[in-house]
Amino acid sequence: MSTATETTSRPVTENTRVRGVTRLVSPNEVKKKIPASPEVLAKVAEHRETCRRILRGEDPRLLVIVGPCSIHDPVSAMDYARKLTTLSEEVSDRLFLVMRVYFEKPRTTVGWKGLINDPHLNDSGDIAHGIMVARQLLLDVAALGLPAATEVLDPIMPQYIADLISWAAIGARTTESQTHREMASGLSMPIGFKNGTDGSIQTAIDAMRSSRSAHGFLGIDQDGMTSIIKTAGNPDGHLVLRGGRDGTNYHPHQTADAAAKLKAAGVPTAIMIDCSHANSGKDPARQPEVWKSILDQRADGRTDIVGAMLESHLEFGAQNLGDDPSKLRYGVSITDACLDWEATAALLRVS
């Protein structure tokens, strides 16, 4: 028989640093509240197939992922989306434009984690509201007929929004993660794997090989229940060159070396070049230099260079979030500095 002392002195060994647990609504519940019509889903499927055809070399157009570094204001995001939709029609004979609609931001240390994690921009962590805002924005973008791209960071989040995504990225900080490689193996859209922050291409090649294989791992189902997820593998992974700590990696000799390594590894040689991040030294004014190099290399017969990425918003540059979100300037990034809309449109027209 246990004594009262033995009962009350049982040590606590779990959740000792957890401040609170809030149950989240299931993906099915979110989709019932914010449903996608069959017409929208058919358009997403069509856009995904266009991306695949470009990656396979069956469509000669350049796949361009363009838009804000991150979404913090749905109003300015839709303003951008409407402009991009109009421009997309104008350049559709040579470019396939997909809007960056990035909701999650990986941080090197700390900082704003994106619209899903912090939709009120005040560190309140209202993720439930953030999911709703993100899904509604994706539907609004889809209603324009514009394909959307995002970076997949949290392995649970795709269950809530991935049905509306035409192209996705695994970022430089997470390309080496087994969790993200497994997740990518089950995603339904083409996936771009960025080279590591140290510039390593091998990291992305390893990720592509892993994600092409079948995997089994823990996740959630559409009812939000913890489940064993078994995947078939994703054959539509490709390399995204974004530079690294040692500098750029978009020049012809570097892209040729990357293509040779891809071929030797037995994975697709399709290459997308990120005009921002380390390739521009995080200076948006230098993105046009990278863009010009992409066009020049393609003109020289480099059919393995099939895509480009641009960080662009309504206005040039970036601003600090600060303590009062109401004082933020409209259409200016609160993460990486972006090219302004006028410069972006001029760049895309010269293609």
Protein backbone atom coordinates (compact mmCIF):
# COMPACT_ATOMS: atom_id res chain seq x y z
CA MET A 1 0.00 0.00 0.00
CA SER A 2 1.38 3.43 -0.97
CA THR A 3 1.41 6.19 1.60
CA ALA A 4 0.04 9.72 1.11
CA THR A 5 3.59 11.02 1.07
CA GLU A 6 4.53 8.67 -1.78
CA THR A 7 1.46 9.76 -3.78
CA THR A 8 1.96 13.50 -3.45
CA SER A 9 5.72 13.46 -4.03
CA ARG A 10 5.57 11.89 -7.49
CA PRO A 11 8.08 13.86 -9.59
CA VAL A 12 6.93 15.83 -12.63
CA THR A 13 9.12 15.02 -15.62
CA GLU A 14 7.17 16.19 -18.67
CA ASN A 15 6.08 19.59 -20.03
CA THR A 16 8.08 21.35 -17.34
CA ARG A 17 8.88 24.21 -19.72
CA VAL A 18 5.54 24.32 -21.55
CA ARG A 19 3.50 27.41 -20.70
CA GLY A 20 0.28 26.25 -22.34
CA VAL A 21 -1.33 23.86 -24.83
CA THR A 22 -4.19 24.96 -27.11
CA ARG A 23 -5.95 22.39 -29.25
CA LEU A 24 -6.03 23.39 -32.93
CA VAL A 25 -8.96 22.83 -35.24
CA SER A 26 -8.43 20.06 -37.78
CA PRO A 27 -7.56 20.59 -41.46
CA ASN A 28 -11.02 19.28 -42.39
CA GLU A 29 -12.69 21.88 -40.19
CA VAL A 30 -10.62 24.69 -41.70
CA LYS A 31 -11.44 23.51 -45.22
CA LYS A 32 -15.14 23.39 -44.42
CA LYS A 33 -15.00 27.01 -43.25
CA ILE A 34 -12.82 28.14 -46.17
CA PRO A 35 -13.51 25.67 -48.98
CA ALA A 36 -11.85 25.50 -52.37
CA SER A 37 -14.19 25.01 -55.31
CA PRO A 38 -13.62 22.20 -57.83
CA GLU A 39 -12.75 24.89 -60.39
CA VAL A 40 -10.00 26.32 -58.16
CA LEU A 41 -8.55 22.89 -57.42
CA ALA A 42 -8.58 22.02 -61.14
CA LYS A 43 -6.64 25.22 -61.83
CA VAL A 44 -4.06 24.36 -59.16
CA ALA A 45 -3.63 20.91 -60.72
CA GLU A 46 -3.16 22.54 -64.14
CA HIS A 47 -0.56 24.95 -62.77
CA ARG A 48 1.35 22.11 -61.12
CA GLU A 49 1.46 20.23 -64.39
CA THR A 50 2.77 23.31 -66.18
CA CYS A 51 5.58 23.53 -63.60
CA ARG A 52 6.38 19.86 -64.16
CA ARG A 53 6.48 20.30 -67.92
CA ILE A 54 8.92 23.19 -67.59
CA LEU A 55 11.11 21.21 -65.19
CA ARG A 56 11.15 18.27 -67.62
CA GLY A 57 12.05 20.51 -70.56
CA GLU A 58 8.71 19.93 -72.31
CA ASP A 59 7.72 23.62 -72.02
CA PRO A 60 10.46 26.07 -73.08
CA ARG A 61 9.24 28.92 -70.90
CA LEU A 62 11.11 30.10 -67.80
CA LEU A 63 9.44 29.24 -64.49
CA VAL A 64 9.59 32.41 -62.38
CA ILE A 65 8.76 32.42 -58.66
CA VAL A 66 8.25 36.11 -57.88
CA GLY A 67 6.77 38.09 -55.04
CA PRO A 68 7.34 39.35 -51.50
CA CYS A 69 9.99 37.78 -49.30
CA SER A 70 7.13 37.13 -46.89
CA ILE A 71 3.47 38.03 -46.59
CA HIS A 72 2.63 40.22 -43.60
CA ASP A 73 -0.33 42.18 -44.98
CA PRO A 74 -3.00 40.38 -47.06
CA VAL A 75 -4.26 43.69 -48.49
CA SER A 76 -0.94 44.68 -50.05
CA ALA A 77 -0.39 41.04 -51.06
CA MET A 78 -3.60 41.10 -53.10
CA ASP A 79 -2.65 44.45 -54.59
CA TYR A 80 0.59 42.81 -55.74
CA ALA A 81 -1.25 39.70 -56.95
CA ARG A 82 -3.58 41.71 -59.18
CA LYS A 83 -0.63 43.50 -60.79
CA LEU A 84 1.20 40.21 -61.29
CA THR A 85 -1.87 38.60 -62.86
CA THR A 86 -2.04 41.33 -65.49
CA LEU A 87 1.69 41.12 -66.20
CA SER A 88 1.53 37.32 -66.34
CA GLU A 89 -0.86 37.48 -69.26
CA GLU A 90 1.45 39.92 -71.04
CA VAL A 91 4.56 37.72 -70.80
CA SER A 92 2.91 34.28 -70.87
CA ASP A 93 4.53 33.34 -74.18
CA ARG A 94 7.98 33.17 -72.55
CA LEU A 95 7.49 33.18 -68.75
CA PHE A 96 5.29 31.22 -66.37
CA LEU A 97 4.85 33.45 -63.34
CA VAL A 98 4.08 31.97 -59.92
CA MET A 99 3.55 34.33 -56.98
CA ARG A 100 5.61 33.91 -53.83
CA VAL A 101 3.07 33.59 -51.02
CA TYR A 102 5.40 32.78 -48.14
CA PHE A 103 3.76 32.47 -44.70
CA GLU A 104 6.50 30.82 -42.63
CA LYS A 105 9.94 32.30 -42.03
CA PRO A 106 12.83 30.22 -40.68
CA ARG A 107 14.98 32.30 -38.35
CA THR A 108 18.70 31.93 -37.70
CA THR A 109 18.06 32.92 -34.06
CA VAL A 110 14.85 34.78 -33.25
CA GLY A 111 12.47 37.15 -35.05
CA TRP A 112 9.05 37.35 -36.66
CA LYS A 113 8.15 33.82 -37.80
CA GLY A 114 5.63 34.70 -40.48
CA LEU A 115 1.93 35.36 -40.95
CA ILE A 116 0.76 31.91 -39.86
CA ASN A 117 2.71 31.98 -36.60
CA ASP A 118 2.13 35.65 -35.81
CA PRO A 119 -0.71 37.14 -37.89
CA HIS A 120 -1.17 40.12 -35.55
CA LEU A 121 2.54 41.05 -35.78
CA ASN A 122 2.77 41.30 -32.00
CA ASP A 123 4.30 37.97 -30.94
CA SER A 124 0.91 36.71 -29.71
CA GLY A 125 1.26 33.42 -31.60
CA ASP A 126 -2.36 33.19 -32.75
CA ILE A 127 -1.65 30.31 -35.12
CA ALA A 128 -5.31 29.30 -35.43
CA HIS A 129 -6.14 32.74 -36.87
CA GLY A 130 -2.98 32.71 -38.97
CA ILE A 131 -4.03 29.50 -40.70
CA MET A 132 -7.41 31.01 -41.58
CA VAL A 133 -5.84 34.20 -42.95
CA ALA A 134 -3.30 32.23 -44.98
CA ARG A 135 -5.87 29.90 -46.51
CA GLN A 136 -8.21 32.76 -47.40
CA LEU A 137 -5.38 34.66 -49.07
CA LEU A 138 -4.41 31.60 -51.12
CA LEU A 139 -8.02 31.26 -52.27
CA ASP A 140 -8.13 34.94 -53.20
CA VAL A 141 -4.93 34.57 -55.22
CA ALA A 142 -6.27 31.41 -56.88
CA ALA A 143 -9.48 33.23 -57.80
CA LEU A 144 -7.35 35.52 -59.99
CA GLY A 145 -6.08 32.47 -61.88
CA LEU A 146 -2.60 33.05 -60.46
CA PRO A 147 -0.51 30.09 -59.23
CA ALA A 148 0.99 30.33 -55.73
CA ALA A 149 4.33 29.19 -54.30
CA THR A 150 5.40 28.88 -50.69
CA GLU A 151 8.15 27.51 -48.48
CA VAL A 152 7.06 24.53 -46.42
CA LEU A 153 8.56 24.77 -42.98
CA ASP A 154 6.27 23.24 -40.35
CA PRO A 155 5.56 19.61 -41.34
CA ILE A 156 1.94 19.81 -40.15
CA MET A 157 0.98 22.95 -42.06
CA PRO A 158 0.68 21.38 -45.56
CA GLN A 159 -2.45 19.54 -44.40
CA TYR A 160 -4.13 22.93 -44.04
CA ILE A 161 -3.01 24.78 -47.18
CA ALA A 162 -1.06 22.54 -49.60
CA ASP A 163 -4.10 21.85 -51.80
CA LEU A 164 -3.79 25.46 -53.02
CA ILE A 165 -0.02 25.47 -53.68
CA SER A 166 1.39 24.95 -57.20
CA TRP A 167 5.11 24.96 -56.33
CA ALA A 168 6.94 24.74 -53.02
CA ALA A 169 10.43 25.23 -51.67
CA ILE A 170 12.49 23.54 -48.99
CA GLY A 171 14.74 26.28 -47.64
CA ALA A 172 18.49 26.40 -47.19
CA ARG A 173 18.22 25.84 -43.43
CA THR A 174 15.95 22.80 -43.74
CA THR A 175 17.18 21.02 -46.89
CA GLU A 176 19.40 18.85 -44.69
CA SER A 177 16.54 17.94 -42.34
CA GLN A 178 15.28 14.36 -42.54
CA THR A 179 11.83 15.54 -41.46
CA HIS A 180 11.58 17.92 -44.41
CA ARG A 181 12.93 15.38 -46.90
CA GLU A 182 10.28 12.91 -45.73
CA MET A 183 7.57 15.57 -45.92
CA ALA A 184 8.66 16.53 -49.45
CA SER A 185 8.36 12.89 -50.53
CA GLY A 186 4.62 13.10 -49.92
CA LEU A 187 3.83 16.59 -51.21
CA SER A 188 1.73 16.78 -54.35
CA MET A 189 3.51 19.64 -56.08
CA PRO A 190 7.02 20.15 -57.53
CA ILE A 191 9.60 20.98 -54.87
CA GLY A 192 12.67 23.21 -55.18
CA PHE A 193 15.51 22.33 -52.80
CA LYS A 194 17.84 25.21 -52.02
CA ASN A 195 21.54 24.64 -51.57
CA GLY A 196 22.72 24.97 -47.96
CA THR A 197 23.57 28.29 -46.34
CA ASP A 198 27.22 27.27 -46.63
CA GLY A 199 26.73 27.03 -50.39
CA SER A 200 26.79 23.22 -50.46
CA ILE A 201 25.00 21.78 -53.50
CA GLN A 202 25.49 18.24 -52.24
CA THR A 203 23.03 18.90 -49.42
CA ALA A 204 20.28 19.66 -51.94
CA ILE A 205 21.24 16.71 -54.15
CA ASP A 206 21.00 14.39 -51.15
CA ALA A 207 17.59 15.88 -50.33
CA MET A 208 16.37 15.32 -53.89
CA ARG A 209 17.48 11.68 -53.79
CA SER A 210 15.85 11.12 -50.42
CA SER A 211 12.55 12.77 -51.34
CA ARG A 212 12.27 10.69 -54.52
CA SER A 213 12.02 7.59 -52.32
CA ALA A 214 9.08 6.27 -50.35
CA HIS A 215 9.02 7.08 -46.63
CA GLY A 216 7.01 6.41 -43.50
CA PHE A 217 6.81 8.96 -40.70
CA LEU A 218 4.54 10.53 -38.10
CA GLY A 219 2.12 13.29 -39.06
CA ILE A 220 -1.54 14.19 -38.85
CA ASP A 221 -4.49 13.25 -41.02
CA GLN A 222 -7.25 15.57 -42.24
CA ASP A 223 -9.08 15.11 -38.93
CA GLY A 224 -6.02 16.24 -37.00
CA MET A 225 -5.28 12.79 -35.58
CA THR A 226 -1.67 11.71 -35.12
CA SER A 227 -1.04 9.19 -37.89
CA ILE A 228 1.57 7.14 -39.67
CA ILE A 229 2.09 8.76 -43.07
CA LYS A 230 3.41 6.58 -45.88
CA THR A 231 4.50 8.26 -49.09
CA ALA A 232 5.24 7.22 -52.66
CA GLY A 233 8.13 9.64 -53.25
CA ASN A 234 8.20 12.92 -55.17
CA PRO A 235 9.91 12.78 -58.60
CA ASP A 236 9.53 16.53 -59.17
CA GLY A 237 12.33 17.78 -56.94
CA HIS A 238 14.90 20.15 -58.41
CA LEU A 239 17.84 22.34 -57.39
CA VAL A 240 17.59 26.01 -56.43
CA LEU A 241 20.90 27.88 -56.41
CA ARG A 242 20.80 30.74 -53.87
CA GLY A 243 24.49 31.34 -53.16
CA GLY A 244 26.16 30.78 -49.81
CA ARG A 245 28.50 32.22 -47.22
CA ASP A 246 31.37 32.22 -49.72
CA GLY A 247 29.39 34.20 -52.31
CA THR A 248 27.34 33.64 -55.43
CA ASN A 249 26.76 30.47 -57.41
CA TYR A 250 24.83 31.65 -60.48
CA HIS A 251 27.71 32.24 -62.91
CA PRO A 252 28.04 29.95 -65.96
CA HIS A 253 30.94 27.86 -64.64
CA GLN A 254 29.11 27.36 -61.34
CA THR A 255 25.80 26.37 -62.91
CA ALA A 256 27.62 24.00 -65.29
CA ASP A 257 29.34 22.39 -62.33
CA ALA A 258 26.00 22.05 -60.54
CA ALA A 259 24.43 20.42 -63.62
CA ALA A 260 27.29 17.94 -63.84
CA LYS A 261 26.86 16.98 -60.18
CA LEU A 262 23.11 16.53 -60.64
CA LYS A 263 23.67 14.30 -63.66
CA ALA A 264 26.26 12.23 -61.83
CA ALA A 265 23.84 11.72 -58.94
CA GLY A 266 21.13 10.48 -61.29
CA VAL A 267 18.63 13.22 -60.45
CA PRO A 268 16.98 15.79 -62.77
CA THR A 269 19.36 18.45 -64.04
CA ALA A 270 16.71 21.18 -63.90
CA ILE A 271 18.13 24.26 -62.15
CA MET A 272 16.37 27.31 -60.75
CA ILE A 273 18.47 30.35 -59.82
CA ASP A 274 17.48 32.56 -56.91
CA CYS A 275 18.27 36.15 -57.81
CA SER A 276 18.13 37.22 -54.18
CA HIS A 277 19.70 35.97 -50.93
CA ALA A 278 23.43 35.34 -51.20
CA ASN A 279 23.38 35.62 -55.00
CA SER A 280 22.59 39.32 -54.64
CA GLY A 281 24.28 39.84 -51.29
CA LYS A 282 20.73 40.54 -50.03
CA ASP A 283 20.82 43.79 -52.02
CA PRO A 284 17.67 43.92 -54.17
CA ALA A 285 19.31 46.40 -56.52
CA ARG A 286 21.65 43.59 -57.61
CA GLN A 287 18.89 41.12 -58.51
CA PRO A 288 18.79 42.43 -62.12
CA GLU A 289 22.45 41.36 -62.54
CA VAL A 290 21.53 37.79 -61.68
CA TRP A 291 18.44 37.93 -63.89
CA LYS A 292 20.53 39.08 -66.85
CA SER A 293 22.97 36.21 -66.31
CA ILE A 294 20.07 33.73 -66.34
CA LEU A 295 18.80 35.10 -69.66
CA ASP A 296 22.29 35.13 -71.14
CA GLN A 297 22.96 31.53 -70.12
CA ARG A 298 19.66 30.38 -71.58
CA ALA A 299 20.44 32.28 -74.78
CA ASP A 300 23.73 30.37 -74.92
CA GLY A 301 21.81 27.10 -74.98
CA ARG A 302 21.67 26.21 -71.29
CA THR A 303 18.34 24.39 -71.37
CA ASP A 304 19.01 22.97 -67.89
CA ILE A 305 18.40 26.43 -66.39
CA VAL A 306 14.62 26.35 -66.24
CA GLY A 307 13.67 28.71 -63.43
CA ALA A 308 14.35 31.90 -61.55
CA MET A 309 13.30 33.42 -58.25
CA LEU A 310 12.86 37.12 -57.48
CA GLU A 311 12.02 38.83 -54.18
CA SER A 312 9.74 41.70 -55.09
CA HIS A 313 7.08 43.84 -53.41
CA LEU A 314 5.13 46.98 -54.18
CA GLU A 315 7.88 49.23 -52.82
CA PHE A 316 11.68 48.93 -52.72
CA GLY A 317 13.62 47.80 -49.68
CA ALA A 318 12.57 46.65 -46.24
CA GLN A 319 11.47 48.04 -42.90
CA ASN A 320 11.72 46.92 -39.29
CA LEU A 321 8.55 45.54 -37.74
CA GLY A 322 8.90 47.68 -34.62
CA ASP A 323 6.45 47.81 -31.74
CA ASP A 324 3.50 49.37 -33.57
CA PRO A 325 2.31 47.52 -36.71
CA SER A 326 -0.04 50.42 -37.55
CA LYS A 327 3.00 52.53 -38.41
CA LEU A 328 4.31 50.13 -41.06
CA ARG A 329 4.65 51.55 -44.57
CA TYR A 330 2.30 49.98 -47.09
CA GLY A 331 3.79 47.46 -49.50
CA VAL A 332 7.26 47.35 -47.92
CA SER A 333 8.75 44.03 -46.78
CA ILE A 334 9.35 43.42 -43.06
CA THR A 335 11.84 40.62 -43.76
CA ASP A 336 14.37 40.65 -46.63
CA ALA A 337 14.60 43.76 -48.78
CA CYS A 338 12.70 43.50 -52.07
CA LEU A 339 12.77 44.99 -55.54
CA ASP A 340 9.89 47.40 -56.17
CA TRP A 341 7.02 46.58 -58.52
CA GLU A 342 7.99 48.97 -61.32
CA ALA A 343 11.53 47.58 -61.50
CA THR A 344 10.19 44.02 -61.31
CA ALA A 345 7.76 44.54 -64.18
CA ALA A 346 10.47 46.13 -66.32
CA LEU A 347 12.78 43.19 -65.58
CA LEU A 348 10.20 40.54 -66.47
CA ARG A 349 9.30 42.28 -69.71
CA VAL A 350 12.94 42.01 -70.81
CA SER A 351 12.97 38.24 -71.17
